[in-house]
N, C-alpha and C. Protein backbone atom coordinates (compact mmCIF):
# COMPACT_ATOMS: atom_id res chain seq x y z
N MET A 1 8.24 18.06 47.02
CA MET A 1 7.56 17.62 48.55
C MET A 1 7.18 18.83 49.05
N ILE A 2 6.20 19.44 49.57
CA ILE A 2 5.66 20.71 49.98
C ILE A 2 6.20 20.66 51.21
N SER A 3 7.00 21.66 51.94
CA SER A 3 7.44 21.38 53.52
C SER A 3 6.14 22.78 54.24
N ASP A 4 6.09 23.20 53.71
CA ASP A 4 5.04 24.65 54.29
C ASP A 4 3.99 24.75 53.51
N SER A 5 2.99 24.38 54.36
CA SER A 5 1.66 23.94 53.22
C SER A 5 0.86 25.48 53.05
N VAL A 6 0.80 26.36 54.39
CA VAL A 6 0.49 27.44 54.08
C VAL A 6 0.29 28.21 53.10
N PRO A 7 1.52 28.44 52.23
CA PRO A 7 1.41 29.43 51.00
C PRO A 7 0.58 28.50 49.81
N TRP A 8 0.47 27.64 49.54
CA TRP A 8 0.07 26.34 48.90
C TRP A 8 -1.28 26.88 48.99
N LYS A 9 -1.92 26.67 50.24
CA LYS A 9 -3.51 26.58 50.42
C LYS A 9 -4.03 27.87 50.36
N GLN A 10 -3.21 29.13 50.80
CA GLN A 10 -3.78 30.36 50.38
C GLN A 10 -3.70 30.56 49.01
N GLU A 11 -2.95 30.01 48.41
CA GLU A 11 -2.66 30.33 46.76
C GLU A 11 -4.26 29.27 46.61
N CYS A 12 -4.61 28.02 46.60
CA CYS A 12 -5.32 27.61 46.53
C CYS A 12 -6.85 28.40 46.78
N LEU A 13 -6.92 29.08 47.87
CA LEU A 13 -8.08 30.08 48.06
C LEU A 13 -8.33 31.21 47.07
N LYS A 14 -6.86 31.48 46.87
CA LYS A 14 -7.06 32.74 45.74
C LYS A 14 -7.59 32.18 44.47
N ILE A 15 -7.39 31.18 44.07
CA ILE A 15 -7.80 30.54 43.04
C ILE A 15 -9.23 30.17 42.91
N ALA A 16 -9.74 29.36 44.13
CA ALA A 16 -11.07 29.52 44.06
C ALA A 16 -11.57 30.56 44.10
N ALA A 17 -11.47 31.85 44.79
CA ALA A 17 -12.02 33.31 44.66
C ALA A 17 -12.30 33.31 43.20
N GLN A 18 -11.04 33.58 42.61
CA GLN A 18 -10.67 33.91 41.25
C GLN A 18 -12.22 33.24 40.14
N LEU A 19 -11.80 31.90 40.25
CA LEU A 19 -13.06 30.78 39.65
C LEU A 19 -14.50 31.28 39.89
N ALA A 20 -14.46 31.59 41.00
CA ALA A 20 -15.96 31.88 41.65
C ALA A 20 -16.35 32.87 40.82
N LYS A 21 -15.50 34.20 40.54
CA LYS A 21 -15.90 35.27 39.74
C LYS A 21 -16.26 34.91 38.43
N ARG A 22 -15.91 34.02 37.87
CA ARG A 22 -16.51 33.25 36.60
C ARG A 22 -17.64 33.19 36.32
N TYR A 23 -18.42 33.00 37.02
CA TYR A 23 -19.81 32.44 37.11
C TYR A 23 -20.44 33.84 36.36
N ASN A 24 -19.74 35.03 36.51
CA ASN A 24 -20.54 36.10 36.16
C ASN A 24 -20.03 36.95 34.70
N GLN A 25 -18.95 35.89 34.92
CA GLN A 25 -18.25 36.63 33.45
C GLN A 25 -19.00 36.24 32.24
N LYS A 26 -19.28 37.42 31.41
CA LYS A 26 -19.97 37.46 30.13
C LYS A 26 -19.13 37.26 28.71
N LYS A 27 -17.98 38.05 28.74
CA LYS A 27 -17.36 38.16 27.70
C LYS A 27 -15.61 37.19 27.71
N TRP A 28 -15.82 36.50 26.82
CA TRP A 28 -14.79 35.51 26.70
C TRP A 28 -13.49 36.07 25.54
N SER A 29 -12.61 36.49 26.29
CA SER A 29 -11.34 36.42 24.84
C SER A 29 -10.38 35.54 25.01
N GLU A 30 -9.56 35.65 24.01
CA GLU A 30 -8.44 34.36 24.01
C GLU A 30 -7.51 34.67 25.44
N ARG A 31 -7.57 35.64 25.97
CA ARG A 31 -6.67 36.08 26.69
C ARG A 31 -7.14 35.41 27.97
N SER A 32 -8.88 35.92 28.27
CA SER A 32 -9.44 35.44 29.40
C SER A 32 -9.44 33.94 29.40
N LEU A 33 -9.40 33.13 28.47
CA LEU A 33 -9.45 31.85 28.42
C LEU A 33 -8.41 31.15 28.71
N PHE A 34 -6.98 31.50 28.40
CA PHE A 34 -6.07 31.35 28.69
C PHE A 34 -5.79 31.59 30.32
N THR A 35 -6.25 32.67 30.76
CA THR A 35 -6.00 32.91 32.21
C THR A 35 -6.65 32.06 33.13
N LEU A 36 -7.96 31.60 32.34
CA LEU A 36 -8.71 30.47 33.16
C LEU A 36 -8.22 28.92 33.09
N GLU A 37 -7.87 28.70 31.69
CA GLU A 37 -6.83 27.30 31.94
C GLU A 37 -5.92 27.67 33.06
N LYS A 38 -5.15 28.61 32.74
CA LYS A 38 -3.87 28.34 33.89
C LYS A 38 -4.44 28.36 35.51
N GLU A 39 -5.64 29.47 35.82
CA GLU A 39 -6.18 29.12 37.03
C GLU A 39 -6.29 27.62 37.49
N VAL A 40 -6.92 27.06 36.30
CA VAL A 40 -7.43 25.61 36.88
C VAL A 40 -6.41 24.90 36.67
N PHE A 41 -5.33 24.98 35.92
CA PHE A 41 -4.12 23.90 36.09
C PHE A 41 -3.37 23.99 37.47
N LEU A 42 -2.95 25.27 37.65
CA LEU A 42 -2.29 25.77 38.90
C LEU A 42 -3.10 25.17 40.12
N GLY A 43 -4.44 25.18 40.15
CA GLY A 43 -4.99 24.87 41.27
C GLY A 43 -5.09 23.69 41.49
N LEU A 44 -5.25 22.82 40.57
CA LEU A 44 -5.66 21.29 40.53
C LEU A 44 -4.27 20.63 40.98
N PHE A 45 -2.83 21.30 40.46
CA PHE A 45 -1.52 21.05 40.75
C PHE A 45 -0.90 21.16 42.02
N ALA A 46 -1.78 22.08 42.33
CA ALA A 46 -1.41 22.57 43.78
C ALA A 46 -2.21 21.25 44.72
N LEU A 47 -3.49 20.98 44.29
CA LEU A 47 -4.28 20.22 45.18
C LEU A 47 -3.66 18.60 45.11
N ARG A 48 -3.18 18.19 44.00
CA ARG A 48 -2.15 17.09 43.84
C ARG A 48 -1.20 17.07 44.84
N LYS A 49 -0.46 18.12 44.79
CA LYS A 49 0.69 18.03 45.34
C LYS A 49 0.40 18.63 47.07
N LEU A 50 -0.26 18.77 47.31
CA LEU A 50 -0.76 18.87 48.96
C LEU A 50 -1.06 17.68 49.21
N MET A 51 -2.04 17.12 48.26
CA MET A 51 -2.45 15.22 48.87
C MET A 51 -1.19 14.61 48.92
N GLU A 52 -0.10 14.66 47.71
CA GLU A 52 1.08 13.72 47.52
C GLU A 52 2.18 14.06 48.64
N SER A 53 1.81 15.13 49.17
CA SER A 53 2.82 15.48 50.71
C SER A 53 1.95 15.42 51.72
N ASN A 54 0.92 14.74 51.83
CA ASN A 54 0.25 14.63 52.96
C ASN A 54 -0.16 15.55 53.73
N LYS A 55 -0.46 16.62 53.23
CA LYS A 55 -0.60 18.25 54.03
C LYS A 55 -2.14 18.35 54.03
N VAL A 56 -2.87 17.33 53.69
CA VAL A 56 -4.43 17.30 54.19
C VAL A 56 -4.81 15.90 54.76
N THR A 57 -6.06 16.10 55.30
CA THR A 57 -6.86 14.86 56.05
C THR A 57 -6.80 13.56 55.02
N ASP A 58 -7.24 12.52 55.67
CA ASP A 58 -7.22 11.45 54.91
C ASP A 58 -9.03 11.65 54.12
N ALA A 59 -9.79 11.97 54.86
CA ALA A 59 -11.01 12.53 54.68
C ALA A 59 -10.86 13.37 53.19
N ILE A 60 -10.06 14.41 53.09
CA ILE A 60 -9.96 15.17 52.08
C ILE A 60 -9.65 14.38 51.11
N LYS A 61 -8.62 13.59 51.13
CA LYS A 61 -7.99 12.85 50.11
C LYS A 61 -9.03 11.79 49.54
N ASN A 62 -9.64 11.45 50.39
CA ASN A 62 -10.46 10.32 49.93
C ASN A 62 -12.09 10.63 49.56
N THR A 63 -12.23 12.08 49.77
CA THR A 63 -13.52 12.50 49.08
C THR A 63 -13.71 12.51 47.76
N LYS A 64 -15.01 11.79 47.37
CA LYS A 64 -15.47 11.57 45.81
C LYS A 64 -16.76 12.73 45.33
N VAL A 65 -16.46 12.94 44.21
CA VAL A 65 -17.31 13.72 43.59
C VAL A 65 -17.99 13.11 42.52
N GLU A 66 -19.57 13.37 42.51
CA GLU A 66 -20.17 12.67 41.20
C GLU A 66 -20.12 13.67 40.09
N LEU A 67 -19.39 13.11 38.90
CA LEU A 67 -19.38 13.67 37.97
C LEU A 67 -20.36 13.08 36.61
N ALA A 68 -20.55 13.73 35.69
CA ALA A 68 -21.44 13.41 34.43
C ALA A 68 -20.41 12.64 33.76
N ILE A 69 -20.54 11.73 32.96
CA ILE A 69 -19.88 11.13 32.12
C ILE A 69 -20.40 10.64 30.74
N TYR A 70 -19.51 10.87 29.14
CA TYR A 70 -20.33 10.81 28.44
C TYR A 70 -19.66 9.56 27.63
N PRO A 71 -20.45 8.63 27.12
CA PRO A 71 -19.04 7.35 26.47
C PRO A 71 -18.86 7.69 25.20
N ALA A 72 -18.10 7.34 24.62
CA ALA A 72 -17.29 7.54 23.31
C ALA A 72 -18.06 6.96 22.56
N ASN A 73 -18.25 7.21 20.75
CA ASN A 73 -18.94 6.57 20.35
C ASN A 73 -18.08 5.83 19.26
N ASP A 74 -18.65 5.21 18.38
CA ASP A 74 -18.03 4.42 17.34
C ASP A 74 -16.78 5.13 16.54
N LYS A 75 -16.43 6.31 16.53
CA LYS A 75 -15.24 7.12 15.39
C LYS A 75 -13.94 7.11 16.53
N PRO A 76 -12.87 6.90 16.25
CA PRO A 76 -11.75 6.72 16.67
C PRO A 76 -11.56 8.53 17.10
N ILE A 77 -11.06 8.44 18.60
CA ILE A 77 -10.62 9.40 19.36
C ILE A 77 -8.85 9.83 19.23
N THR A 78 -8.51 10.58 18.36
CA THR A 78 -7.26 11.30 18.00
C THR A 78 -6.69 12.15 18.72
N LEU A 79 -5.16 12.73 18.22
CA LEU A 79 -4.66 13.76 18.66
C LEU A 79 -5.26 14.64 17.66
N LEU A 80 -5.40 14.07 16.77
CA LEU A 80 -6.14 15.67 15.01
C LEU A 80 -7.64 15.94 15.27
N ASN A 81 -8.27 14.78 15.81
CA ASN A 81 -9.76 15.13 15.94
C ASN A 81 -10.02 15.50 17.25
N GLN A 82 -9.51 15.33 18.74
CA GLN A 82 -10.38 15.68 19.71
C GLN A 82 -10.47 16.34 20.08
N HIS A 83 -10.52 17.72 19.60
CA HIS A 83 -10.74 19.20 19.48
C HIS A 83 -12.22 18.90 18.92
N LYS A 84 -12.92 18.16 18.28
CA LYS A 84 -14.18 17.92 17.92
C LYS A 84 -14.84 17.05 18.90
N PHE A 85 -14.62 17.00 20.17
CA PHE A 85 -15.29 16.19 21.14
C PHE A 85 -16.48 16.23 20.78
N PRO A 86 -17.62 16.92 20.72
CA PRO A 86 -18.86 16.66 20.53
C PRO A 86 -19.58 16.03 19.77
N GLU A 87 -18.73 15.63 18.53
CA GLU A 87 -18.87 14.47 17.97
C GLU A 87 -18.36 13.47 17.93
N LEU A 88 -17.47 13.56 18.94
CA LEU A 88 -16.96 11.61 19.29
C LEU A 88 -17.51 11.07 20.67
N TYR A 89 -18.21 11.99 21.17
CA TYR A 89 -18.91 10.99 22.54
C TYR A 89 -20.16 11.43 22.27
N ASP A 90 -21.11 10.72 22.83
CA ASP A 90 -22.94 10.61 23.25
C ASP A 90 -22.92 11.15 24.11
N LEU A 91 -23.21 12.80 23.75
CA LEU A 91 -23.37 13.95 24.67
C LEU A 91 -25.28 13.57 25.34
N TYR A 92 -25.89 13.03 24.83
CA TYR A 92 -27.23 12.69 24.97
C TYR A 92 -27.21 11.03 25.94
N ALA A 93 -26.29 10.35 26.27
CA ALA A 93 -26.23 9.45 27.21
C ALA A 93 -25.68 9.39 28.48
N GLY A 94 -25.82 10.56 29.09
CA GLY A 94 -24.97 10.58 29.95
C GLY A 94 -25.28 10.00 31.32
N GLN A 95 -24.19 9.70 31.83
CA GLN A 95 -24.61 8.69 33.22
C GLN A 95 -23.64 9.54 34.60
N LYS A 96 -23.39 9.02 35.49
CA LYS A 96 -22.83 9.30 36.73
C LYS A 96 -21.90 8.30 37.08
N GLU A 97 -20.39 9.13 37.46
CA GLU A 97 -19.53 8.40 38.35
C GLU A 97 -18.88 8.96 39.35
N SER A 98 -18.45 8.67 40.22
CA SER A 98 -17.95 9.36 41.01
C SER A 98 -16.27 9.33 40.99
N LEU A 99 -15.75 10.56 41.45
CA LEU A 99 -14.19 10.19 41.25
C LEU A 99 -13.72 11.21 42.69
N SER A 100 -12.48 10.35 43.04
CA SER A 100 -12.21 11.20 43.92
C SER A 100 -11.15 12.67 43.41
N TYR A 101 -10.78 13.08 44.37
CA TYR A 101 -10.06 14.52 44.22
C TYR A 101 -8.84 14.45 43.46
N TRP A 102 -8.35 13.22 44.09
CA TRP A 102 -7.02 12.70 43.32
C TRP A 102 -7.57 12.55 41.70
N ASP A 103 -8.25 11.74 41.52
CA ASP A 103 -8.53 11.07 40.32
C ASP A 103 -8.81 12.33 39.32
N ILE A 104 -9.81 13.22 39.82
CA ILE A 104 -10.39 14.50 39.35
C ILE A 104 -8.73 15.70 38.69
N CYS A 105 -7.93 15.44 39.84
CA CYS A 105 -6.71 16.49 39.63
C CYS A 105 -5.94 15.86 37.97
N ASN A 106 -5.80 14.43 38.02
CA ASN A 106 -5.02 13.71 37.25
C ASN A 106 -5.93 13.71 35.74
N GLN A 107 -7.16 14.06 36.14
CA GLN A 107 -7.97 14.03 34.52
C GLN A 107 -7.73 15.41 33.90
N PHE A 108 -7.31 16.32 34.83
CA PHE A 108 -7.21 17.81 34.26
C PHE A 108 -5.91 17.85 33.99
N ILE A 109 -4.93 17.07 34.92
CA ILE A 109 -3.37 17.69 34.74
C ILE A 109 -2.69 16.49 33.70
N HIS A 110 -3.40 15.68 33.14
CA HIS A 110 -3.28 14.84 31.98
C HIS A 110 -3.96 14.62 31.09
N SER A 111 -4.78 15.74 30.56
CA SER A 111 -6.05 16.07 29.81
C SER A 111 -5.35 16.44 28.48
N SER A 112 -5.94 15.60 27.54
CA SER A 112 -6.00 15.60 26.28
C SER A 112 -7.45 16.38 25.66
N ILE A 113 -8.13 16.30 26.61
CA ILE A 113 -9.28 17.07 26.43
C ILE A 113 -9.56 18.09 27.25
N PHE A 114 -9.82 19.47 27.15
CA PHE A 114 -9.82 20.32 28.10
C PHE A 114 -10.84 21.47 27.40
N SER A 115 -11.94 21.58 27.90
CA SER A 115 -12.97 22.69 27.24
C SER A 115 -13.87 23.05 28.04
N PRO A 116 -13.86 24.40 28.36
CA PRO A 116 -14.83 25.06 29.21
C PRO A 116 -15.74 24.96 28.65
N PHE A 117 -16.83 24.82 29.33
CA PHE A 117 -18.16 25.10 28.83
C PHE A 117 -18.81 26.32 29.13
N VAL A 118 -19.32 27.11 28.10
CA VAL A 118 -19.51 28.33 28.40
C VAL A 118 -20.98 28.78 27.22
N PRO A 119 -22.42 28.19 28.11
CA PRO A 119 -23.40 28.51 26.80
C PRO A 119 -23.29 29.45 26.22
N VAL A 120 -24.22 29.91 25.26
CA VAL A 120 -23.91 31.07 24.45
C VAL A 120 -24.82 31.87 25.23
N GLY A 121 -23.93 32.99 25.55
CA GLY A 121 -24.77 34.62 26.06
C GLY A 121 -24.66 34.01 27.64
N LYS A 122 -23.78 33.07 28.06
CA LYS A 122 -24.01 32.99 29.36
C LYS A 122 -22.71 32.80 30.07
N SER A 123 -22.65 32.38 31.53
CA SER A 123 -21.43 32.27 31.98
C SER A 123 -20.82 30.81 32.10
N LEU A 124 -19.68 31.01 32.55
CA LEU A 124 -18.83 29.50 32.68
C LEU A 124 -19.60 28.49 33.51
N VAL A 125 -20.06 27.73 33.29
CA VAL A 125 -20.50 26.46 34.23
C VAL A 125 -20.06 25.30 34.23
N GLY A 126 -18.83 25.15 33.51
CA GLY A 126 -18.01 23.51 33.94
C GLY A 126 -17.34 23.56 32.96
N PHE A 127 -16.74 22.39 33.05
CA PHE A 127 -15.59 21.91 31.98
C PHE A 127 -15.93 20.42 31.56
N TYR A 128 -15.71 20.19 30.17
CA TYR A 128 -15.60 18.92 29.68
C TYR A 128 -13.97 18.41 29.63
N ILE A 129 -13.83 17.35 29.86
CA ILE A 129 -12.40 17.10 30.32
C ILE A 129 -12.38 15.64 30.52
N ALA A 130 -11.08 15.45 29.64
CA ALA A 130 -10.51 13.66 29.33
C ALA A 130 -9.04 13.56 29.55
N SER A 131 -8.98 13.10 30.58
CA SER A 131 -6.94 12.59 30.01
C SER A 131 -6.61 11.63 28.89
N ASP A 132 -5.53 11.20 28.93
CA ASP A 132 -4.96 10.66 27.69
C ASP A 132 -5.61 9.19 27.90
N ARG A 133 -5.53 8.72 28.91
CA ARG A 133 -6.04 7.52 28.82
C ARG A 133 -7.79 7.18 29.18
N ALA A 134 -8.50 8.25 29.89
CA ALA A 134 -9.96 8.33 29.71
C ALA A 134 -10.43 8.42 28.46
N LYS A 135 -9.64 9.27 27.58
CA LYS A 135 -10.47 9.96 26.47
C LYS A 135 -10.91 8.93 25.41
N LYS A 136 -10.23 7.39 25.20
CA LYS A 136 -10.84 6.63 24.46
C LYS A 136 -12.08 5.88 24.83
N LYS A 137 -12.41 6.10 25.78
CA LYS A 137 -13.70 5.50 26.61
C LYS A 137 -14.77 6.38 27.12
N LYS A 138 -14.55 7.32 27.44
CA LYS A 138 -15.42 8.54 28.28
C LYS A 138 -15.29 9.74 28.44
N LEU A 139 -15.78 10.62 28.09
CA LEU A 139 -15.47 12.13 28.52
C LEU A 139 -16.16 12.56 29.73
N TYR A 140 -15.54 13.27 30.64
CA TYR A 140 -16.02 13.87 31.98
C TYR A 140 -16.93 15.45 31.44
N TYR A 141 -17.63 15.72 32.38
CA TYR A 141 -18.23 16.76 32.64
C TYR A 141 -18.19 17.30 34.22
N ILE A 142 -17.28 18.34 34.62
CA ILE A 142 -17.48 18.58 35.95
C ILE A 142 -17.96 20.16 36.00
N GLN A 143 -18.55 20.58 36.90
CA GLN A 143 -19.11 21.74 37.17
C GLN A 143 -18.06 22.61 37.87
N LEU A 144 -18.46 23.82 37.50
CA LEU A 144 -17.20 24.99 37.89
C LEU A 144 -17.30 24.77 39.50
N LYS A 145 -18.47 25.05 40.07
CA LYS A 145 -18.82 24.62 41.51
C LYS A 145 -18.19 23.86 42.38
N ILE A 146 -17.91 22.63 42.07
CA ILE A 146 -17.38 21.71 42.35
C ILE A 146 -15.78 21.90 42.38
N LEU A 147 -15.23 22.42 41.48
CA LEU A 147 -13.61 23.20 41.55
C LEU A 147 -13.33 23.85 42.46
N VAL A 148 -14.48 24.80 42.50
CA VAL A 148 -14.06 26.04 43.78
C VAL A 148 -14.31 25.15 45.04
N GLU A 149 -15.32 24.42 44.96
CA GLU A 149 -15.37 23.74 46.49
C GLU A 149 -14.44 22.69 46.75
N MET A 150 -13.60 22.10 45.69
CA MET A 150 -12.59 21.14 46.01
C MET A 150 -11.11 21.96 46.52
N LEU A 151 -11.11 23.12 45.97
CA LEU A 151 -9.75 24.21 46.05
C LEU A 151 -10.33 24.62 47.80
N GLU A 152 -11.27 25.24 47.83
CA GLU A 152 -11.83 25.86 48.87
C GLU A 152 -11.56 24.74 50.35
N SER A 153 -11.98 23.38 50.14
CA SER A 153 -11.93 22.25 51.20
C SER A 153 -10.18 22.08 51.36
N VAL A 154 -9.56 22.03 50.31
CA VAL A 154 -7.94 22.00 50.53
C VAL A 154 -7.57 23.12 51.18
N GLY A 155 -7.49 24.48 50.69
CA GLY A 155 -7.25 25.35 51.02
C GLY A 155 -7.53 25.66 52.52
N ASN A 156 -8.60 25.16 53.24
CA ASN A 156 -9.13 25.34 54.27
C ASN A 156 -8.75 24.35 55.33
N ASN A 157 -8.01 23.09 54.63
CA ASN A 157 -7.83 21.71 55.73
C ASN A 157 -6.41 22.00 56.09
N TYR A 158 -6.30 21.56 57.30
CA TYR A 158 -5.21 21.57 58.41
C TYR A 158 -5.35 20.45 58.89
N PRO A 159 -4.25 19.13 59.24
CA PRO A 159 -4.72 18.26 59.80
C PRO A 159 -4.22 18.15 61.24
N LYS A 160 -4.82 17.60 61.98
CA LYS A 160 -4.70 17.85 63.78
C LYS A 160 -4.24 16.69 63.90
N HIS A 161 -3.82 15.79 63.13
CA HIS A 161 -2.98 14.56 64.19
C HIS A 161 -2.42 13.86 62.85
N ILE A 162 -1.34 13.24 62.78
CA ILE A 162 -0.34 12.53 61.88
C ILE A 162 -0.46 11.29 62.46
N GLU A 163 -0.55 10.20 61.68
CA GLU A 163 0.25 8.85 62.26
C GLU A 163 1.01 8.38 61.24
N LEU A 164 2.46 7.89 61.52
CA LEU A 164 3.33 7.40 60.51
C LEU A 164 3.56 5.84 60.67
N THR A 165 3.41 5.02 60.05
CA THR A 165 2.89 3.23 60.29
C THR A 165 4.09 2.45 59.44
N PHE A 166 5.56 2.28 59.66
CA PHE A 166 6.77 1.54 58.71
C PHE A 166 5.71 0.30 58.29
N ASN A 167 5.63 0.15 56.87
CA ASN A 167 5.43 -0.80 55.76
C ASN A 167 7.04 -1.39 55.60
N GLU A 168 6.94 -3.06 56.77
CA GLU A 168 8.36 -3.44 56.23
C GLU A 168 8.41 -4.10 54.95
N LYS A 169 7.14 -4.30 54.15
CA LYS A 169 7.22 -4.71 52.95
C LYS A 169 8.03 -3.45 51.64
N ALA A 170 7.07 -2.51 51.74
CA ALA A 170 7.17 -1.37 50.96
C ALA A 170 8.82 -0.76 51.52
N LYS A 171 8.97 -1.00 52.70
CA LYS A 171 10.04 -0.18 53.18
C LYS A 171 9.76 1.50 52.94
N GLU A 172 8.77 1.70 53.59
CA GLU A 172 8.30 2.68 53.42
C GLU A 172 6.71 3.22 54.45
N TYR A 173 7.07 4.87 54.80
CA TYR A 173 6.33 4.74 55.91
C TYR A 173 4.48 5.30 54.78
N LYS A 174 3.56 4.93 55.85
CA LYS A 174 2.20 4.91 55.12
C LYS A 174 1.86 5.75 56.16
N VAL A 175 1.50 7.31 55.72
CA VAL A 175 0.78 8.47 56.60
C VAL A 175 -0.39 8.36 56.54
N SER A 176 -1.02 8.80 57.99
CA SER A 176 -2.44 9.12 58.09
C SER A 176 -2.89 10.15 58.83
N SER A 177 -3.83 10.69 58.22
CA SER A 177 -3.98 12.18 58.75
C SER A 177 -5.40 12.52 58.93
N ALA A 178 -5.75 13.03 60.53
CA ALA A 178 -6.94 13.38 60.39
C ALA A 178 -7.11 15.05 61.06
């Protein structure tokens, strides 16, 4: 449980700024790929913890973003071949699907497939991602700008009103914030 959200939100804004700089990065070493992965995972973990701790408004929690999805083809997707994901999904049959911030965080946090997309000679533009549960059905593609926007929107979100309603059946409070 996060009690003081300010340092967490400041960290989200810091990570958003670091990721935004990746648009212009042309050289990618093993170290820079590690640092990128660390930034992404720490940022999305922070987002999820802030949402779990009710430190953002319901509007942020319920925000949905449209992502590209690619269906799995007929080849089995396993621990030993998932790194060859371009062969395992139909990358020419892309469709759109809306995911909430919460679901996007979970795709990353529980990812079996995580691959930055850096076209040859270009900068980072996004990520291919699939959680351990989703990978058998589909692969997601999320643009870098969406991750930056998510981190910025959560980092700048401070609820002004919180309402607690006790749920007698669940014996727990439901928190709503605006």
